[in-house]
Amino acid sequence: MQRHQQLMVLIIEAQRQMDRRSRWLPLVVALLIGAIPVLAWGVLRWRADGISFFERMFVQDFWAVSTRTIENQDRSNLFYLNILIKHHYDWIAAGLAVLVLFPPTSWRAAWDTVAFWRSPDDRIRILGYWSAVALLIPTVMRTNLPWYINPLYPTFALAIGGLLAYGLSRRDETRPQLRTQLIAVVLVAGLVAEGKLIWYSYTYRSLDRSAQGLLLAEAGRVSGGRVFGRWNRADAIVLKCIVRAKSKAAADAEEFLRVSEPGDYVVLPIELEHGGLSMLATDGRHALYRHD
């Protein structure tokens, strides 16, 4: 996100038409004002961690994820296009429906609209460069993660909204049914989008159906102990900071019994029958077991 913002500032400032004094004086003043809290934070961070924090911030967060693959997250150059289609096929289909039902009267004029870098309107250029940078930077990075494309979504929503507004404002007296068809497509897209949101929230984000919810419910039992499982960073934070237990890694029951001690806990799928384990609680999807 920081790379995206910095590159956007450089691009827009490079294209602004202003005399030197009117342009650089505000930039220098803004740079000096912005540097004060950054430098203050840097001094305090240096006193707390020395150089280690800055090395990790630059070497791992900036350089490593850009130049080499981290955690086997190396995919094709079409990875982010696939993510966009996978999660927003409903609105993409609605936008394509506009072009099919109400094609532009002049494709040259349509191209001039898309060619944002030639637009005299600063707002169009900013939105265009924002989209290009938000898609380009994650694509050239070696490490590919779905949330790297998040800065693209605001301009994607504006583009789809503008396309739908164009279609809904069009009227064809010879074929009035086209507008009705587009309204139907938009309604279906909205229902699909909201349905996916509800389903995803219930299936993947419901605390009652997650390992974190089970750990919170059994916090009094496992607090101070060691809890094994396949933890992501969010799970590990809940275990350490809220449940007050130690997170340990174990992929299955066999590994847990091999590396754990009697009295340790593990979160595994339910309906697991294995000697040496006692099930203590379940949420219907996960179960808390103890090493007997």
Protein backbone atom coordinates (compact mmCIF):
# COMPACT_ATOMS: atom_id res chain seq x y z
CA MET A 1 0.00 0.00 0.00
CA GLN A 2 2.86 2.39 0.80
CA ARG A 3 4.54 1.69 -2.55
CA HIS A 4 1.22 2.41 -4.27
CA GLN A 5 0.74 5.75 -2.51
CA GLN A 6 4.30 6.91 -3.06
CA LEU A 7 4.29 6.07 -6.77
CA MET A 8 0.91 7.78 -7.18
CA VAL A 9 2.27 10.99 -5.66
CA LEU A 10 5.31 10.92 -7.97
CA ILE A 11 3.20 10.31 -11.10
CA ILE A 12 0.64 13.00 -10.37
CA GLU A 13 3.23 15.57 -9.34
CA ALA A 14 5.26 14.85 -12.48
CA GLN A 15 2.24 15.67 -14.65
CA ARG A 16 1.06 18.81 -12.89
CA GLN A 17 1.47 22.03 -14.84
CA MET A 18 2.58 24.68 -12.33
CA ASP A 19 5.39 27.17 -12.09
CA ARG A 20 8.36 26.13 -10.02
CA ARG A 21 7.72 28.28 -6.96
CA SER A 22 4.01 27.46 -6.73
CA ARG A 23 4.80 23.79 -7.10
CA TRP A 24 7.88 23.11 -4.99
CA LEU A 25 7.36 25.43 -2.03
CA PRO A 26 4.19 23.61 -0.80
CA LEU A 27 5.86 20.24 -1.44
CA VAL A 28 8.93 21.14 0.62
CA VAL A 29 6.80 22.50 3.47
CA ALA A 30 4.60 19.38 3.42
CA LEU A 31 7.71 17.15 3.40
CA LEU A 32 9.18 18.93 6.41
CA ILE A 33 5.91 18.81 8.37
CA GLY A 34 5.43 15.12 7.54
CA ALA A 35 9.02 14.30 8.50
CA ILE A 36 8.61 15.53 12.09
CA PRO A 37 6.30 12.74 13.40
CA VAL A 38 8.11 10.13 11.26
CA LEU A 39 11.49 11.06 12.70
CA ALA A 40 10.06 11.14 16.24
CA TRP A 41 8.62 7.65 15.74
CA GLY A 42 11.93 6.47 14.23
CA VAL A 43 13.92 7.68 17.23
CA LEU A 44 11.56 5.98 19.70
CA ARG A 45 11.60 2.76 17.65
CA TRP A 46 15.39 2.83 17.50
CA ARG A 47 15.59 3.20 21.27
CA ALA A 48 13.25 0.22 21.70
CA ASP A 49 14.60 -2.24 19.10
CA GLY A 50 17.77 -0.77 17.63
CA ILE A 51 18.39 -1.55 13.98
CA SER A 52 16.59 -4.94 13.99
CA PHE A 53 13.10 -3.53 13.34
CA PHE A 54 14.24 -1.35 10.43
CA GLU A 55 16.23 -4.20 8.90
CA ARG A 56 13.20 -6.45 8.97
CA MET A 57 10.88 -3.73 7.67
CA PHE A 58 13.13 -3.02 4.68
CA VAL A 59 14.68 -6.44 3.97
CA GLN A 60 11.53 -8.54 4.40
CA ASP A 61 8.53 -6.23 3.95
CA PHE A 62 9.97 -4.19 1.10
CA TRP A 63 12.79 -6.02 -0.66
CA ALA A 64 12.13 -9.73 -0.05
CA VAL A 65 8.46 -9.84 -1.08
CA SER A 66 9.33 -7.91 -4.24
CA THR A 67 12.37 -9.83 -5.44
CA ARG A 68 11.79 -13.40 -4.27
CA THR A 69 8.95 -15.71 -3.30
CA ILE A 70 7.92 -15.71 0.36
CA GLU A 71 6.06 -18.71 1.86
CA ASN A 72 5.66 -20.38 -1.58
CA GLN A 73 3.32 -17.59 -2.76
CA ASP A 74 4.57 -17.57 -6.37
CA ARG A 75 1.86 -17.71 -9.02
CA SER A 76 1.32 -16.65 -12.63
CA ASN A 77 1.11 -13.06 -13.86
CA LEU A 78 -2.65 -13.58 -14.28
CA PHE A 79 -3.09 -14.32 -10.57
CA TYR A 80 -4.69 -10.97 -9.71
CA LEU A 81 -6.91 -10.95 -12.77
CA ASN A 82 -8.12 -14.37 -11.67
CA ILE A 83 -8.75 -13.04 -8.15
CA LEU A 84 -10.75 -10.12 -9.55
CA ILE A 85 -12.90 -12.40 -11.73
CA LYS A 86 -13.26 -15.04 -9.02
CA HIS A 87 -14.62 -12.65 -6.40
CA HIS A 88 -16.44 -10.10 -8.57
CA TYR A 89 -17.70 -12.03 -11.59
CA ASP A 90 -21.23 -10.81 -10.82
CA TRP A 91 -20.43 -7.11 -11.31
CA ILE A 92 -18.06 -7.82 -14.19
CA ALA A 93 -20.92 -9.67 -15.92
CA ALA A 94 -23.22 -6.70 -15.26
CA GLY A 95 -20.67 -4.33 -16.82
CA LEU A 96 -20.29 -6.57 -19.87
CA ALA A 97 -24.08 -6.66 -20.18
CA VAL A 98 -24.07 -2.87 -20.58
CA LEU A 99 -21.61 -3.11 -23.47
CA VAL A 100 -23.65 -5.85 -25.12
CA LEU A 101 -27.05 -4.19 -24.71
CA PHE A 102 -25.91 -0.60 -25.27
CA PRO A 103 -22.64 -0.63 -27.25
CA PRO A 104 -20.92 2.75 -27.68
CA THR A 105 -21.94 4.68 -30.76
CA SER A 106 -18.26 5.40 -31.38
CA TRP A 107 -15.54 3.03 -30.21
CA ARG A 108 -13.00 5.79 -30.85
CA ALA A 109 -14.79 7.99 -28.34
CA ALA A 110 -14.94 5.07 -25.92
CA TRP A 111 -11.18 4.56 -26.27
CA ASP A 112 -10.57 8.26 -25.64
CA THR A 113 -12.51 7.86 -22.39
CA VAL A 114 -10.43 4.84 -21.36
CA ALA A 115 -7.13 6.56 -22.29
CA PHE A 116 -6.99 8.36 -18.95
CA TRP A 117 -3.40 9.56 -19.40
CA ARG A 118 -4.56 11.91 -22.18
CA SER A 119 -7.55 13.28 -20.29
CA PRO A 120 -7.54 16.99 -19.41
CA ASP A 121 -9.54 16.16 -16.27
CA ASP A 122 -7.25 15.66 -13.24
CA ARG A 123 -9.83 13.43 -11.56
CA ILE A 124 -9.93 10.98 -14.45
CA ARG A 125 -6.13 10.84 -14.62
CA ILE A 126 -5.86 10.20 -10.87
CA LEU A 127 -8.40 7.36 -10.99
CA GLY A 128 -6.73 5.86 -14.06
CA TYR A 129 -3.23 5.94 -12.63
CA TRP A 130 -4.53 4.65 -9.31
CA SER A 131 -5.98 1.58 -11.05
CA ALA A 132 -2.88 1.00 -13.18
CA VAL A 133 -0.47 1.28 -10.25
CA ALA A 134 -2.67 -0.83 -7.96
CA LEU A 135 -2.61 -3.64 -10.54
CA LEU A 136 0.96 -3.22 -11.79
CA ILE A 137 2.85 -3.24 -8.48
CA PRO A 138 1.39 -6.53 -7.13
CA THR A 139 1.83 -8.15 -10.56
CA VAL A 140 5.57 -7.46 -10.78
CA MET A 141 6.17 -8.56 -7.18
CA ARG A 142 7.36 -12.14 -6.80
CA THR A 143 5.19 -12.81 -3.75
CA ASN A 144 1.49 -12.99 -4.69
CA LEU A 145 -1.21 -12.66 -2.03
CA PRO A 146 -4.91 -11.91 -2.68
CA TRP A 147 -5.04 -8.89 -0.37
CA TYR A 148 -2.26 -7.11 -2.30
CA ILE A 149 -4.92 -6.12 -4.85
CA ASN A 150 -7.12 -4.37 -2.26
CA PRO A 151 -6.13 -0.83 -3.39
CA LEU A 152 -7.68 -1.58 -6.79
CA TYR A 153 -11.21 -2.19 -5.49
CA PRO A 154 -12.31 1.45 -4.96
CA THR A 155 -11.57 2.40 -8.57
CA PHE A 156 -12.98 -0.91 -9.79
CA ALA A 157 -16.25 -0.09 -8.02
CA LEU A 158 -16.28 3.40 -9.53
CA ALA A 159 -15.66 1.99 -13.02
CA ILE A 160 -18.49 -0.55 -12.73
CA GLY A 161 -20.78 2.09 -11.23
CA GLY A 162 -20.03 4.51 -14.06
CA LEU A 163 -20.63 1.80 -16.66
CA LEU A 164 -23.98 0.85 -15.09
CA ALA A 165 -25.01 4.51 -14.84
CA TYR A 166 -24.22 4.91 -18.54
CA GLY A 167 -26.35 1.87 -19.43
CA LEU A 168 -29.29 2.77 -17.22
CA SER A 169 -29.40 6.30 -18.64
CA ARG A 170 -29.62 5.05 -22.22
CA ARG A 171 -33.01 4.78 -23.93
CA ASP A 172 -33.75 2.92 -27.15
CA GLU A 173 -37.28 3.73 -28.27
CA THR A 174 -37.24 0.91 -30.82
CA ARG A 175 -36.20 -1.65 -28.19
CA PRO A 176 -37.45 -0.53 -24.76
CA GLN A 177 -37.01 -4.04 -23.41
CA LEU A 178 -33.21 -3.59 -23.38
CA ARG A 179 -33.35 -1.24 -20.40
CA THR A 180 -35.61 -3.68 -18.55
CA GLN A 181 -33.16 -6.47 -19.27
CA LEU A 182 -30.27 -4.41 -17.90
CA ILE A 183 -32.21 -3.60 -14.73
CA ALA A 184 -32.83 -7.33 -14.28
CA VAL A 185 -29.12 -8.06 -14.74
CA VAL A 186 -28.16 -5.43 -12.16
CA LEU A 187 -30.68 -6.80 -9.64
CA VAL A 188 -29.38 -10.34 -10.12
CA ALA A 189 -25.79 -9.15 -9.73
CA GLY A 190 -26.69 -7.36 -6.51
CA LEU A 191 -28.48 -10.42 -5.11
CA VAL A 192 -25.55 -12.67 -5.99
CA ALA A 193 -23.04 -10.27 -4.42
CA GLU A 194 -25.03 -9.95 -1.19
CA GLY A 195 -25.67 -13.69 -1.11
CA LYS A 196 -21.95 -14.40 -1.40
CA LEU A 197 -21.21 -11.93 1.38
CA ILE A 198 -23.73 -13.54 3.73
CA TRP A 199 -22.58 -17.07 2.87
CA TYR A 200 -18.90 -16.19 3.26
CA SER A 201 -19.50 -14.43 6.57
CA TYR A 202 -21.40 -17.41 7.95
CA THR A 203 -19.12 -20.11 6.54
CA TYR A 204 -15.67 -18.57 7.03
CA ARG A 205 -16.04 -15.61 9.39
CA SER A 206 -18.56 -16.81 11.96
CA LEU A 207 -16.81 -16.89 15.33
CA ASP A 208 -19.12 -19.65 16.54
CA ARG A 209 -17.88 -21.94 13.76
CA SER A 210 -14.17 -21.11 13.99
CA ALA A 211 -11.24 -22.45 15.96
CA GLN A 212 -10.88 -19.02 17.58
CA GLY A 213 -14.43 -19.20 18.90
CA LEU A 214 -13.73 -22.61 20.41
CA LEU A 215 -10.55 -21.35 22.05
CA LEU A 216 -12.33 -18.31 23.50
CA ALA A 217 -15.13 -20.51 24.85
CA GLU A 218 -12.58 -22.81 26.51
CA ALA A 219 -10.18 -20.09 27.62
CA GLY A 220 -10.66 -20.92 31.28
CA ARG A 221 -9.60 -24.51 30.64
CA VAL A 222 -6.55 -23.98 28.42
CA SER A 223 -5.21 -20.70 29.84
CA GLY A 224 -1.55 -21.09 30.76
CA GLY A 225 -1.22 -24.37 28.88
CA ARG A 226 0.10 -25.39 25.49
CA VAL A 227 -2.38 -25.66 22.63
CA PHE A 228 -1.34 -27.41 19.42
CA GLY A 229 -2.89 -27.04 16.00
CA ARG A 230 -2.48 -25.58 12.52
CA TRP A 231 -2.51 -21.91 13.45
CA ASN A 232 -2.44 -18.85 11.25
CA ARG A 233 -1.30 -15.49 12.59
CA ALA A 234 -4.78 -14.44 13.72
CA ASP A 235 -5.23 -17.70 15.66
CA ALA A 236 -1.82 -17.28 17.27
CA ILE A 237 -2.67 -13.74 18.40
CA VAL A 238 -5.94 -14.90 19.98
CA LEU A 239 -4.14 -17.73 21.75
CA LYS A 240 -1.35 -15.58 23.09
CA CYS A 241 -3.02 -12.26 23.86
CA ILE A 242 -6.60 -13.22 24.79
CA VAL A 243 -6.67 -16.88 25.82
CA ARG A 244 -3.23 -16.55 27.42
CA ALA A 245 -2.00 -19.91 26.18
CA LYS A 246 1.06 -20.99 24.21
CA SER A 247 0.53 -21.84 20.55
CA LYS A 248 2.34 -24.87 19.18
CA ALA A 249 2.25 -26.44 15.73
CA ALA A 250 0.82 -29.88 14.98
CA ALA A 251 -0.71 -30.93 11.66
CA ASP A 252 -2.52 -34.06 12.90
CA ALA A 253 -3.07 -36.32 15.89
CA GLU A 254 0.04 -38.41 15.24
CA GLU A 255 2.32 -35.39 15.21
CA PHE A 256 0.60 -33.97 18.30
CA LEU A 257 1.12 -37.15 20.31
CA ARG A 258 4.73 -37.35 19.16
CA VAL A 259 5.75 -33.81 20.17
CA SER A 260 3.39 -33.07 23.08
CA GLU A 261 3.23 -34.09 26.72
CA PRO A 262 0.32 -35.34 28.85
CA GLY A 263 -1.95 -32.42 29.70
CA ASP A 264 -1.33 -30.54 26.45
CA TYR A 265 -4.25 -29.57 24.21
CA VAL A 266 -4.86 -29.72 20.49
CA VAL A 267 -7.60 -28.42 18.18
CA LEU A 268 -8.43 -30.92 15.41
CA PRO A 269 -11.44 -31.86 13.28
CA ILE A 270 -14.37 -33.42 15.12
CA GLU A 271 -15.20 -37.12 15.27
CA LEU A 272 -11.56 -38.09 15.60
CA GLU A 273 -11.01 -41.38 17.37
CA HIS A 274 -7.43 -41.86 18.45
CA GLY A 275 -5.89 -43.54 21.43
CA GLY A 276 -4.39 -41.14 23.91
CA LEU A 277 -6.81 -38.31 23.13
CA SER A 278 -9.87 -37.16 25.04
CA MET A 279 -12.34 -34.75 23.44
CA LEU A 280 -13.25 -31.92 25.81
CA ALA A 281 -15.41 -29.59 23.69
CA THR A 282 -16.58 -29.03 20.15
CA ASP A 283 -18.24 -26.32 18.06
CA GLY A 284 -19.56 -28.69 15.41
CA ARG A 285 -16.57 -28.20 13.12
CA HIS A 286 -13.53 -28.23 15.42
CA ALA A 287 -12.88 -30.08 18.65
CA LEU A 288 -10.58 -29.52 21.60
CA TYR A 289 -8.66 -32.64 22.68
CA ARG A 290 -6.30 -33.32 25.56
CA HIS A 291 -3.28 -35.57 25.64
CA ASP A 292 -4.11 -38.13 28.34
